[in-house]
Structures are given as structure tokens and as C-alpha cells.
């Protein structure tokens, strides 16, 4: 109802870092917070599913959820990074996807593009060190622009493929006619 709230409080109640997500990304934030806490980094997880409603709340509420005294923030969004700088600030980082064309089961996409607990932990540590800021490129850049110099080249020569047995991969040409 308020657009955003604390999903998981940092140990001791005073965070050194805030991880922000909106939906399925919250499982990554929660897992990363647990890993960071094991290493002595108090980490809060914030669910921020509706920016407009959160923005409409009194500043006292917004500051209680995202304290200005905690500039180390990482947002995790399996979508565009556009606009997240508003919530992570100048000292935070944004894990997102700023390209089109990736298509596969969610587990495969998350793994290939770096939406993993380990990657969130890595980015968070970089934010705390001060050497990671702003949008963070995905691990696998996905589809690259085609540069076909030989008209006989096949499009699939340029299409990133995923091998059978990788996470989320159980498709066959018979079960998924779009991927024959």
C-alpha cells in the first residue's frame, strides 16, 4: 500500500548497505543479504514495487525505508536500469538489463546475465569499496548487432546459444518450435 517497505532488516537494525528489488529479484537480494551478513556487513533488503506510491509517502517514511545516511545501495531489476538512479543515488549501483533479445527460461536468463546471489554480493562489495557505481553491465551482453558480410551466413551463426543441461534448459525443437 505504501509502494515500498523494509522486507528484511539488517542485523543490529543499522544497515551499512541496502539492496532494493521489486519482485522476483527480491530472492536474490535476500540471499545476497544473508551472505553479506555472514561476512559482517549489516544489510537491509527493501521491496520497492511501486515508485509512484512510495514517492507519495511522507519524507519521514521514505527516509525510514531508505535512510539518507546509508548511501551504499544496489538495485536489482530484471528490466531496464532507467530511473533506478533516483533510489540508489550517486554512490549506488544498478543491476539491470539495458538490451533486448534475450529469450529463455527465467533460470537460464538470470544465470547468463548475472542475476545471481554471487553477482549481487560482488556488486555490493564494489559499492562498499567505492569502485562500482551506476548501471552495471550484464555478464553476457546478449544479442549483438548483426554484421553479416557474407549473405550466405546463417542468422543462427550470430545467435547466442545455450547448451543442453544448463540451468532452465530442457527445450527441444519439438517442444519449442521457435527454437529449432
N, C-alpha and C. Protein backbone atom coordinates (compact mmCIF):
# COMPACT_ATOMS: atom_id res chain seq x y z
N UNK A 1 0.82 -1.21 0.00
CA UNK A 1 0.00 0.00 0.00
C UNK A 1 0.86 1.26 0.00
N UNK A 2 2.08 1.17 0.53
CA UNK A 2 2.92 2.36 0.62
C UNK A 2 3.94 2.44 -0.51
N UNK A 3 3.96 1.45 -1.39
CA UNK A 3 4.86 1.48 -2.53
C UNK A 3 6.22 0.89 -2.26
N UNK A 4 6.63 0.85 -1.01
CA UNK A 4 7.92 0.30 -0.65
C UNK A 4 7.99 0.07 0.84
N UNK A 5 8.79 -0.91 1.24
CA UNK A 5 8.89 -1.23 2.66
C UNK A 5 10.15 -2.06 2.91
N UNK A 6 10.55 -2.13 4.17
CA UNK A 6 11.68 -2.96 4.56
C UNK A 6 11.21 -4.40 4.62
N UNK A 7 11.80 -5.24 3.80
CA UNK A 7 11.45 -6.66 3.76
C UNK A 7 12.31 -7.44 4.77
N UNK A 8 13.55 -7.04 4.88
CA UNK A 8 14.49 -7.70 5.79
C UNK A 8 15.37 -6.63 6.42
N UNK A 9 15.38 -6.60 7.72
CA UNK A 9 16.19 -5.61 8.43
C UNK A 9 17.62 -6.13 8.58
N UNK A 10 18.55 -5.22 8.62
CA UNK A 10 19.96 -5.56 8.85
C UNK A 10 20.15 -6.02 10.28
N UNK A 11 21.15 -6.86 10.48
CA UNK A 11 21.45 -7.27 11.85
C UNK A 11 21.82 -6.04 12.66
N UNK A 12 21.29 -5.95 13.85
CA UNK A 12 21.54 -4.78 14.68
C UNK A 12 20.66 -3.60 14.32
N UNK A 13 19.90 -3.70 13.21
CA UNK A 13 18.97 -2.65 12.84
C UNK A 13 19.58 -1.45 12.12
N UNK A 14 20.90 -1.39 12.04
CA UNK A 14 21.55 -0.25 11.38
C UNK A 14 22.33 -0.77 10.18
N UNK A 15 21.80 -0.59 8.96
CA UNK A 15 22.46 -1.16 7.78
C UNK A 15 23.68 -0.37 7.33
N UNK A 16 24.63 -1.10 6.74
CA UNK A 16 25.75 -0.48 6.03
C UNK A 16 25.47 -0.44 4.55
N UNK A 17 24.49 -1.25 4.14
CA UNK A 17 24.16 -1.43 2.73
C UNK A 17 22.68 -1.72 2.61
N UNK A 18 22.06 -1.23 1.51
CA UNK A 18 20.66 -1.52 1.23
C UNK A 18 20.56 -2.14 -0.16
N UNK A 19 19.90 -3.30 -0.23
CA UNK A 19 19.60 -3.95 -1.50
C UNK A 19 18.12 -3.73 -1.80
N UNK A 20 17.81 -3.32 -3.04
CA UNK A 20 16.45 -2.96 -3.41
C UNK A 20 15.99 -3.81 -4.60
N UNK A 21 14.79 -4.36 -4.51
CA UNK A 21 14.21 -5.13 -5.61
C UNK A 21 12.72 -4.89 -5.68
N UNK A 22 12.08 -5.50 -6.69
CA UNK A 22 10.64 -5.27 -6.85
C UNK A 22 9.80 -6.54 -6.85
N UNK A 23 10.33 -7.63 -7.28
CA UNK A 23 9.53 -8.86 -7.40
C UNK A 23 10.41 -10.06 -7.27
N UNK A 24 10.60 -10.78 -8.39
CA UNK A 24 11.41 -11.99 -8.37
C UNK A 24 12.85 -11.71 -7.97
N UNK A 25 13.29 -10.49 -8.14
CA UNK A 25 14.66 -10.11 -7.78
C UNK A 25 14.88 -10.10 -6.27
N UNK A 26 13.80 -10.03 -5.51
CA UNK A 26 13.93 -9.98 -4.05
C UNK A 26 14.56 -11.25 -3.49
N UNK A 27 14.37 -12.38 -4.14
CA UNK A 27 15.03 -13.60 -3.67
C UNK A 27 16.54 -13.47 -3.78
N UNK A 28 17.01 -12.79 -4.82
CA UNK A 28 18.45 -12.55 -4.96
C UNK A 28 18.95 -11.59 -3.89
N UNK A 29 18.18 -10.54 -3.65
CA UNK A 29 18.55 -9.56 -2.63
C UNK A 29 18.61 -10.21 -1.25
N UNK A 30 17.64 -11.05 -0.97
CA UNK A 30 17.58 -11.72 0.33
C UNK A 30 18.77 -12.66 0.50
N UNK A 31 19.06 -13.46 -0.53
CA UNK A 31 20.21 -14.37 -0.49
C UNK A 31 21.52 -13.64 -0.36
N UNK A 32 21.66 -12.52 -1.09
CA UNK A 32 22.88 -11.73 -1.01
C UNK A 32 23.03 -11.10 0.38
N UNK A 33 21.91 -10.62 0.94
CA UNK A 33 21.95 -10.02 2.28
C UNK A 33 22.43 -11.05 3.30
N UNK A 34 21.96 -12.27 3.20
CA UNK A 34 22.40 -13.31 4.13
C UNK A 34 23.90 -13.57 3.99
N UNK A 35 24.39 -13.62 2.75
CA UNK A 35 25.82 -13.85 2.51
C UNK A 35 26.65 -12.69 3.05
N UNK A 36 26.21 -11.46 2.79
CA UNK A 36 26.94 -10.29 3.27
C UNK A 36 26.93 -10.21 4.80
N UNK A 37 25.80 -10.55 5.39
CA UNK A 37 25.71 -10.55 6.86
C UNK A 37 26.67 -11.57 7.47
N UNK A 38 26.84 -12.73 6.82
CA UNK A 38 27.79 -13.74 7.33
C UNK A 38 29.21 -13.17 7.36
N UNK A 39 29.47 -12.20 6.50
CA UNK A 39 30.79 -11.55 6.45
C UNK A 39 30.82 -10.26 7.27
N UNK A 40 29.79 -10.05 8.09
CA UNK A 40 29.79 -8.90 8.99
C UNK A 40 29.33 -7.59 8.38
N UNK A 41 28.62 -7.65 7.25
CA UNK A 41 28.11 -6.43 6.60
C UNK A 41 26.61 -6.36 6.83
N UNK A 42 26.16 -5.51 7.76
CA UNK A 42 24.72 -5.39 8.02
C UNK A 42 23.98 -4.89 6.77
N UNK A 43 23.04 -5.69 6.29
CA UNK A 43 22.39 -5.41 5.01
C UNK A 43 20.88 -5.45 5.14
N UNK A 44 20.24 -4.38 4.71
CA UNK A 44 18.78 -4.29 4.67
C UNK A 44 18.30 -4.63 3.27
N UNK A 45 17.14 -5.28 3.17
CA UNK A 45 16.51 -5.54 1.88
C UNK A 45 15.20 -4.75 1.84
N UNK A 46 15.03 -3.98 0.78
CA UNK A 46 13.83 -3.17 0.60
C UNK A 46 13.09 -3.64 -0.64
N UNK A 47 11.79 -3.84 -0.49
CA UNK A 47 10.91 -4.12 -1.62
C UNK A 47 10.32 -2.79 -2.07
N UNK A 48 10.51 -2.45 -3.35
CA UNK A 48 10.04 -1.17 -3.87
C UNK A 48 9.24 -1.40 -5.15
N UNK A 49 8.06 -2.01 -5.03
CA UNK A 49 7.29 -2.39 -6.22
C UNK A 49 6.57 -1.23 -6.92
N UNK A 50 6.34 -0.12 -6.23
CA UNK A 50 5.63 0.99 -6.88
C UNK A 50 6.27 2.32 -6.50
N UNK A 51 7.08 2.83 -7.41
CA UNK A 51 7.79 4.09 -7.16
C UNK A 51 6.82 5.24 -6.89
N UNK A 52 5.72 5.29 -7.66
CA UNK A 52 4.79 6.41 -7.52
C UNK A 52 4.16 6.44 -6.12
N UNK A 53 3.73 5.30 -5.65
CA UNK A 53 3.15 5.26 -4.30
C UNK A 53 4.19 5.56 -3.24
N UNK A 54 5.39 5.06 -3.43
CA UNK A 54 6.46 5.33 -2.46
C UNK A 54 6.79 6.82 -2.43
N UNK A 55 6.87 7.42 -3.59
CA UNK A 55 7.15 8.86 -3.69
C UNK A 55 6.05 9.69 -3.03
N UNK A 56 4.81 9.19 -3.02
CA UNK A 56 3.68 9.92 -2.44
C UNK A 56 3.67 9.86 -0.91
N UNK A 57 4.52 9.02 -0.33
CA UNK A 57 4.56 8.90 1.14
C UNK A 57 5.29 10.10 1.74
N UNK A 58 5.04 10.39 3.01
CA UNK A 58 5.77 11.48 3.67
C UNK A 58 7.27 11.19 3.66
N UNK A 59 8.08 12.23 3.60
CA UNK A 59 9.53 12.05 3.54
C UNK A 59 10.04 11.28 4.76
N UNK A 60 9.35 11.40 5.88
CA UNK A 60 9.79 10.67 7.08
C UNK A 60 9.70 9.16 6.85
N UNK A 61 8.65 8.72 6.17
CA UNK A 61 8.51 7.29 5.87
C UNK A 61 9.57 6.86 4.85
N UNK A 62 9.73 7.63 3.77
CA UNK A 62 10.72 7.29 2.73
C UNK A 62 12.12 7.22 3.34
N UNK A 63 12.44 8.18 4.20
CA UNK A 63 13.76 8.18 4.83
C UNK A 63 13.93 7.05 5.84
N UNK A 64 12.84 6.57 6.41
CA UNK A 64 12.92 5.43 7.32
C UNK A 64 13.21 4.14 6.54
N UNK A 65 12.69 4.05 5.33
CA UNK A 65 12.91 2.87 4.49
C UNK A 65 14.28 2.95 3.81
N UNK A 66 14.59 4.11 3.23
CA UNK A 66 15.86 4.34 2.53
C UNK A 66 16.59 5.50 3.23
N UNK A 67 17.23 5.24 4.36
CA UNK A 67 17.87 6.32 5.11
C UNK A 67 18.97 7.02 4.30
N UNK A 68 18.93 8.34 4.24
CA UNK A 68 19.98 9.10 3.54
C UNK A 68 21.37 8.82 4.11
N UNK A 69 21.45 8.38 5.35
CA UNK A 69 22.74 8.08 5.98
C UNK A 69 23.36 6.79 5.45
N UNK A 70 22.64 6.06 4.59
CA UNK A 70 23.16 4.81 4.01
C UNK A 70 23.21 4.97 2.49
N UNK A 71 24.30 5.55 1.97
CA UNK A 71 24.39 5.76 0.53
C UNK A 71 24.78 4.51 -0.26
N UNK A 72 25.27 3.47 0.41
CA UNK A 72 25.65 2.23 -0.28
C UNK A 72 24.38 1.44 -0.56
N UNK A 73 23.95 1.48 -1.84
CA UNK A 73 22.71 0.84 -2.25
C UNK A 73 22.89 0.14 -3.59
N UNK A 74 22.18 -0.97 -3.74
CA UNK A 74 22.20 -1.70 -5.01
C UNK A 74 20.76 -2.07 -5.34
N UNK A 75 20.32 -1.70 -6.55
CA UNK A 75 19.01 -2.14 -7.02
C UNK A 75 19.22 -3.31 -7.96
N UNK A 76 18.26 -4.22 -7.93
CA UNK A 76 18.29 -5.41 -8.78
C UNK A 76 16.97 -5.45 -9.53
N UNK A 77 17.03 -5.31 -10.85
CA UNK A 77 15.82 -5.24 -11.66
C UNK A 77 16.05 -6.00 -12.95
N UNK A 78 15.28 -7.06 -13.17
CA UNK A 78 15.40 -7.84 -14.40
C UNK A 78 14.68 -7.09 -15.53
N UNK A 79 15.05 -5.86 -15.68
CA UNK A 79 14.49 -4.96 -16.68
C UNK A 79 15.44 -3.78 -16.81
N UNK A 80 14.98 -2.72 -17.41
CA UNK A 80 15.82 -1.55 -17.67
C UNK A 80 16.31 -0.89 -16.38
N UNK A 81 17.49 -0.33 -16.46
CA UNK A 81 18.08 0.38 -15.32
C UNK A 81 17.56 1.82 -15.22
N UNK A 82 16.88 2.27 -16.26
CA UNK A 82 16.38 3.65 -16.32
C UNK A 82 15.54 4.00 -15.10
N UNK A 83 15.91 5.05 -14.41
CA UNK A 83 15.15 5.57 -13.29
C UNK A 83 15.62 5.09 -11.93
N UNK A 84 16.36 3.99 -11.88
CA UNK A 84 16.79 3.45 -10.59
C UNK A 84 17.80 4.35 -9.88
N UNK A 85 18.49 5.20 -10.63
CA UNK A 85 19.45 6.12 -10.00
C UNK A 85 18.75 7.00 -8.96
N UNK A 86 17.49 7.24 -9.15
CA UNK A 86 16.71 8.04 -8.19
C UNK A 86 16.72 7.40 -6.80
N UNK A 87 16.75 6.06 -6.75
CA UNK A 87 16.66 5.35 -5.47
C UNK A 87 17.99 4.88 -4.94
N UNK A 88 18.98 4.67 -5.82
CA UNK A 88 20.29 4.24 -5.33
C UNK A 88 21.23 5.41 -5.11
N UNK A 89 20.94 6.57 -5.71
CA UNK A 89 21.78 7.75 -5.52
C UNK A 89 23.10 7.68 -6.27
N UNK A 90 23.93 8.66 -6.03
CA UNK A 90 25.21 8.78 -6.73
C UNK A 90 26.23 7.71 -6.33
N UNK A 91 26.07 7.13 -5.15
CA UNK A 91 27.04 6.17 -4.66
C UNK A 91 26.58 4.72 -4.81
N UNK A 92 25.40 4.51 -5.41
CA UNK A 92 24.85 3.18 -5.55
C UNK A 92 25.06 2.59 -6.93
N UNK A 93 24.66 1.34 -7.08
CA UNK A 93 24.78 0.64 -8.36
C UNK A 93 23.43 0.03 -8.73
N UNK A 94 23.27 -0.21 -10.04
CA UNK A 94 22.02 -0.71 -10.58
C UNK A 94 22.31 -1.95 -11.42
N UNK A 95 21.81 -3.09 -10.98
CA UNK A 95 21.92 -4.31 -11.77
C UNK A 95 20.64 -4.42 -12.57
N UNK A 96 20.74 -4.39 -13.89
CA UNK A 96 19.57 -4.43 -14.75
C UNK A 96 19.94 -4.88 -16.14
N UNK A 97 18.99 -4.79 -17.05
CA UNK A 97 19.19 -5.21 -18.44
C UNK A 97 18.85 -4.03 -19.34
N UNK A 98 19.83 -3.59 -20.10
CA UNK A 98 19.61 -2.47 -21.00
C UNK A 98 19.78 -2.86 -22.46
N UNK A 99 19.37 -4.09 -22.78
CA UNK A 99 19.38 -4.54 -24.16
C UNK A 99 18.20 -5.49 -24.37
N UNK A 100 17.90 -5.75 -25.62
CA UNK A 100 16.77 -6.60 -25.96
C UNK A 100 17.26 -7.90 -26.57
N UNK A 101 16.36 -8.87 -26.67
CA UNK A 101 16.62 -10.05 -27.46
C UNK A 101 16.89 -11.32 -26.71
N UNK A 102 17.09 -11.26 -25.41
CA UNK A 102 17.36 -12.49 -24.67
C UNK A 102 16.04 -13.23 -24.44
N UNK A 103 16.03 -14.50 -24.78
CA UNK A 103 14.83 -15.29 -24.60
C UNK A 103 15.21 -16.70 -24.19
N UNK A 104 14.72 -17.10 -23.04
CA UNK A 104 14.98 -18.43 -22.50
C UNK A 104 14.19 -18.55 -21.21
N UNK A 105 14.17 -19.73 -20.61
CA UNK A 105 13.53 -19.86 -19.30
C UNK A 105 14.20 -18.92 -18.29
N UNK A 106 13.45 -18.48 -17.31
CA UNK A 106 13.94 -17.48 -16.35
C UNK A 106 15.25 -17.89 -15.70
N UNK A 107 15.38 -19.15 -15.29
CA UNK A 107 16.62 -19.59 -14.65
C UNK A 107 17.83 -19.42 -15.54
N UNK A 108 17.66 -19.68 -16.82
CA UNK A 108 18.75 -19.54 -17.77
C UNK A 108 19.10 -18.06 -17.96
N UNK A 109 18.08 -17.24 -18.15
CA UNK A 109 18.32 -15.80 -18.34
C UNK A 109 19.03 -15.22 -17.13
N UNK A 110 18.53 -15.52 -15.93
CA UNK A 110 19.13 -14.98 -14.71
C UNK A 110 20.60 -15.41 -14.62
N UNK A 111 20.88 -16.66 -14.90
CA UNK A 111 22.25 -17.16 -14.80
C UNK A 111 23.15 -16.52 -15.86
N UNK A 112 22.71 -16.51 -17.10
CA UNK A 112 23.52 -15.99 -18.20
C UNK A 112 23.80 -14.49 -18.08
N UNK A 113 22.85 -13.74 -17.55
CA UNK A 113 23.01 -12.29 -17.48
C UNK A 113 23.58 -11.81 -16.14
N UNK A 114 23.80 -12.73 -15.23
CA UNK A 114 24.43 -12.34 -13.96
C UNK A 114 23.46 -11.98 -12.86
N UNK A 115 22.24 -12.44 -12.95
CA UNK A 115 21.27 -12.21 -11.88
C UNK A 115 21.36 -13.40 -10.92
N UNK A 116 22.46 -13.40 -10.15
CA UNK A 116 22.71 -14.46 -9.18
C UNK A 116 23.06 -13.83 -7.85
N UNK A 117 22.92 -14.61 -6.79
CA UNK A 117 23.28 -14.12 -5.46
C UNK A 117 24.76 -13.72 -5.45
N UNK A 118 25.62 -14.54 -6.03
CA UNK A 118 27.05 -14.24 -6.03
C UNK A 118 27.35 -12.92 -6.73
N UNK A 119 26.67 -12.67 -7.84
CA UNK A 119 26.91 -11.41 -8.58
C UNK A 119 26.41 -10.22 -7.79
N UNK A 120 25.26 -10.34 -7.13
CA UNK A 120 24.75 -9.23 -6.30
C UNK A 120 25.74 -8.96 -5.17
N UNK A 121 26.27 -10.00 -4.56
CA UNK A 121 27.27 -9.83 -3.50
C UNK A 121 28.50 -9.13 -4.05
N UNK A 122 28.97 -9.55 -5.22
CA UNK A 122 30.15 -8.93 -5.85
C UNK A 122 29.92 -7.44 -6.11
N UNK A 123 28.77 -7.10 -6.67
CA UNK A 123 28.46 -5.69 -6.95
C UNK A 123 28.35 -4.90 -5.64
N UNK A 124 27.70 -5.48 -4.66
CA UNK A 124 27.53 -4.81 -3.36
C UNK A 124 28.89 -4.51 -2.73
N UNK A 125 29.80 -5.48 -2.79
CA UNK A 125 31.15 -5.25 -2.25
C UNK A 125 31.85 -4.12 -3.00
N UNK A 126 31.64 -4.06 -4.31
CA UNK A 126 32.23 -2.98 -5.10
C UNK A 126 31.67 -1.62 -4.71
N UNK A 127 30.37 -1.57 -4.43
CA UNK A 127 29.75 -0.32 -3.97
C UNK A 127 30.36 0.09 -2.64
N UNK A 128 30.50 -0.85 -1.74
CA UNK A 128 31.08 -0.54 -0.42
C UNK A 128 32.53 -0.09 -0.53
N UNK A 129 33.29 -0.66 -1.48
CA UNK A 129 34.68 -0.24 -1.70
C UNK A 129 34.76 1.13 -2.39
N UNK A 130 33.67 1.48 -3.09
CA UNK A 130 33.65 2.75 -3.81
C UNK A 130 34.09 2.66 -5.25
N UNK A 131 34.22 1.44 -5.79
CA UNK A 131 34.68 1.33 -7.18
C UNK A 131 33.61 0.83 -8.15
N UNK A 132 32.37 0.69 -7.69
CA UNK A 132 31.26 0.33 -8.57
C UNK A 132 30.15 1.34 -8.36
N UNK A 133 29.70 1.95 -9.44
CA UNK A 133 28.64 2.98 -9.39
C UNK A 133 27.77 2.87 -10.63
N UNK A 134 26.52 3.29 -10.51
CA UNK A 134 25.62 3.39 -11.65
C UNK A 134 25.23 2.04 -12.24
N UNK A 135 24.74 2.06 -13.49
CA UNK A 135 24.32 0.81 -14.14
C UNK A 135 25.50 -0.14 -14.31
N UNK A 136 25.28 -1.40 -13.97
CA UNK A 136 26.31 -2.43 -14.08
C UNK A 136 25.96 -3.29 -15.29
N UNK A 137 26.89 -3.43 -16.24
CA UNK A 137 26.59 -4.24 -17.42
C UNK A 137 26.28 -5.69 -17.06
N UNK A 138 25.42 -6.32 -17.85
CA UNK A 138 25.12 -7.73 -17.63
C UNK A 138 26.38 -8.55 -17.92
N UNK A 139 26.41 -9.76 -17.39
CA UNK A 139 27.56 -10.64 -17.59
C UNK A 139 27.67 -11.01 -19.06
N UNK A 140 26.57 -11.43 -19.67
CA UNK A 140 26.51 -11.80 -21.08
C UNK A 140 25.72 -10.70 -21.76
N UNK A 141 26.34 -10.04 -22.71
CA UNK A 141 25.69 -8.89 -23.35
C UNK A 141 24.49 -9.26 -24.19
N UNK A 142 24.19 -10.54 -24.31
CA UNK A 142 23.02 -10.93 -25.10
C UNK A 142 23.28 -10.79 -26.58
N UNK A 143 22.25 -10.50 -27.31
CA UNK A 143 22.37 -10.37 -28.76
C UNK A 143 23.23 -9.18 -29.12
N UNK A 144 24.15 -9.42 -30.00
CA UNK A 144 24.99 -8.35 -30.52
C UNK A 144 24.44 -7.95 -31.89
N UNK A 145 24.68 -6.72 -32.32
CA UNK A 145 24.21 -6.33 -33.66
C UNK A 145 24.81 -7.25 -34.72
N UNK A 146 23.99 -7.62 -35.69
CA UNK A 146 24.48 -8.48 -36.77
C UNK A 146 25.33 -7.68 -37.73
N UNK A 147 26.45 -8.25 -38.09
CA UNK A 147 27.32 -7.65 -39.10
C UNK A 147 27.59 -8.73 -40.13
N UNK A 148 26.62 -8.95 -40.99
CA UNK A 148 26.74 -10.03 -41.97
C UNK A 148 27.44 -9.49 -43.20
N UNK A 149 28.65 -10.02 -43.43
CA UNK A 149 29.41 -9.58 -44.60
C UNK A 149 29.23 -10.56 -45.75
N UNK A 150 28.86 -11.79 -45.45
CA UNK A 150 28.62 -12.80 -46.45
C UNK A 150 27.13 -13.12 -46.41
N UNK A 151 26.42 -12.86 -47.48
CA UNK A 151 24.97 -13.06 -47.47
C UNK A 151 24.58 -14.50 -47.23
N UNK A 152 25.52 -15.43 -47.34
CA UNK A 152 25.21 -16.82 -47.09
C UNK A 152 25.35 -17.19 -45.61
N UNK A 153 25.82 -16.25 -44.81
CA UNK A 153 25.92 -16.56 -43.38
C UNK A 153 24.53 -16.78 -42.83
N UNK A 154 24.40 -17.75 -41.96
CA UNK A 154 23.11 -18.04 -41.35
C UNK A 154 22.94 -17.20 -40.10
N UNK A 155 21.72 -16.75 -39.84
CA UNK A 155 21.47 -15.92 -38.67
C UNK A 155 21.85 -16.63 -37.38
N UNK A 156 21.65 -17.95 -37.31
CA UNK A 156 21.97 -18.62 -36.06
C UNK A 156 23.47 -18.62 -35.78
N UNK A 157 24.31 -18.32 -36.77
CA UNK A 157 25.74 -18.19 -36.50
C UNK A 157 26.00 -17.03 -35.55
N UNK A 158 25.08 -16.09 -35.47
CA UNK A 158 25.24 -14.92 -34.62
C UNK A 158 24.37 -14.97 -33.39
N UNK A 159 23.56 -16.00 -33.28
CA UNK A 159 22.64 -16.10 -32.15
C UNK A 159 23.32 -16.81 -30.99
N UNK A 160 23.36 -16.19 -29.80
CA UNK A 160 23.97 -16.89 -28.67
C UNK A 160 23.17 -18.14 -28.35
N UNK A 161 23.86 -19.25 -28.19
CA UNK A 161 23.16 -20.49 -27.91
C UNK A 161 23.43 -20.93 -26.49
N UNK A 162 22.55 -21.78 -26.00
CA UNK A 162 22.66 -22.30 -24.66
C UNK A 162 22.66 -23.82 -24.79
N UNK A 163 23.63 -24.45 -24.21
CA UNK A 163 23.80 -25.89 -24.35
C UNK A 163 22.80 -26.66 -23.50
N UNK A 164 22.40 -27.85 -23.96
CA UNK A 164 21.54 -28.70 -23.14
C UNK A 164 22.22 -28.98 -21.80
N UNK A 165 21.42 -29.05 -20.75
CA UNK A 165 21.95 -29.33 -19.43
C UNK A 165 22.22 -28.08 -18.61
N UNK A 166 22.25 -26.90 -19.25
CA UNK A 166 22.45 -25.67 -18.49
C UNK A 166 21.16 -25.34 -17.75
N UNK A 167 21.22 -24.52 -16.69
CA UNK A 167 20.03 -24.23 -15.89
C UNK A 167 18.85 -23.77 -16.74
N UNK A 168 17.72 -24.38 -16.51
CA UNK A 168 16.49 -23.98 -17.18
C UNK A 168 16.35 -24.46 -18.61
N UNK A 169 17.33 -25.22 -19.10
CA UNK A 169 17.30 -25.64 -20.50
C UNK A 169 16.78 -27.07 -20.59
N UNK A 170 15.58 -27.21 -21.13
CA UNK A 170 15.05 -28.54 -21.40
C UNK A 170 14.18 -28.51 -22.64
N UNK A 171 14.41 -27.50 -23.47
CA UNK A 171 13.62 -27.36 -24.68
C UNK A 171 14.18 -28.24 -25.79
N UNK A 172 13.29 -28.64 -26.67
CA UNK A 172 13.69 -29.35 -27.87
C UNK A 172 12.98 -28.70 -29.03
N UNK A 173 13.40 -29.00 -30.24
CA UNK A 173 12.73 -28.40 -31.39
C UNK A 173 11.27 -28.85 -31.44
N UNK A 174 10.98 -30.02 -30.91
CA UNK A 174 9.61 -30.50 -30.89
C UNK A 174 8.74 -29.80 -29.85
N UNK A 175 9.36 -29.38 -28.72
CA UNK A 175 8.58 -28.75 -27.65
C UNK A 175 8.54 -27.24 -27.78
N UNK A 176 9.45 -26.68 -28.55
CA UNK A 176 9.52 -25.23 -28.71
C UNK A 176 9.85 -24.91 -30.15
N UNK A 177 8.82 -24.82 -31.03
CA UNK A 177 9.07 -24.64 -32.45
C UNK A 177 9.82 -23.37 -32.79
N UNK A 178 9.84 -22.42 -31.90
CA UNK A 178 10.59 -21.18 -32.17
C UNK A 178 12.09 -21.34 -31.99
N UNK A 179 12.51 -22.48 -31.47
CA UNK A 179 13.93 -22.71 -31.23
C UNK A 179 14.35 -24.06 -31.82
N UNK A 180 14.20 -24.19 -33.12
CA UNK A 180 14.54 -25.47 -33.77
C UNK A 180 15.97 -25.45 -34.26
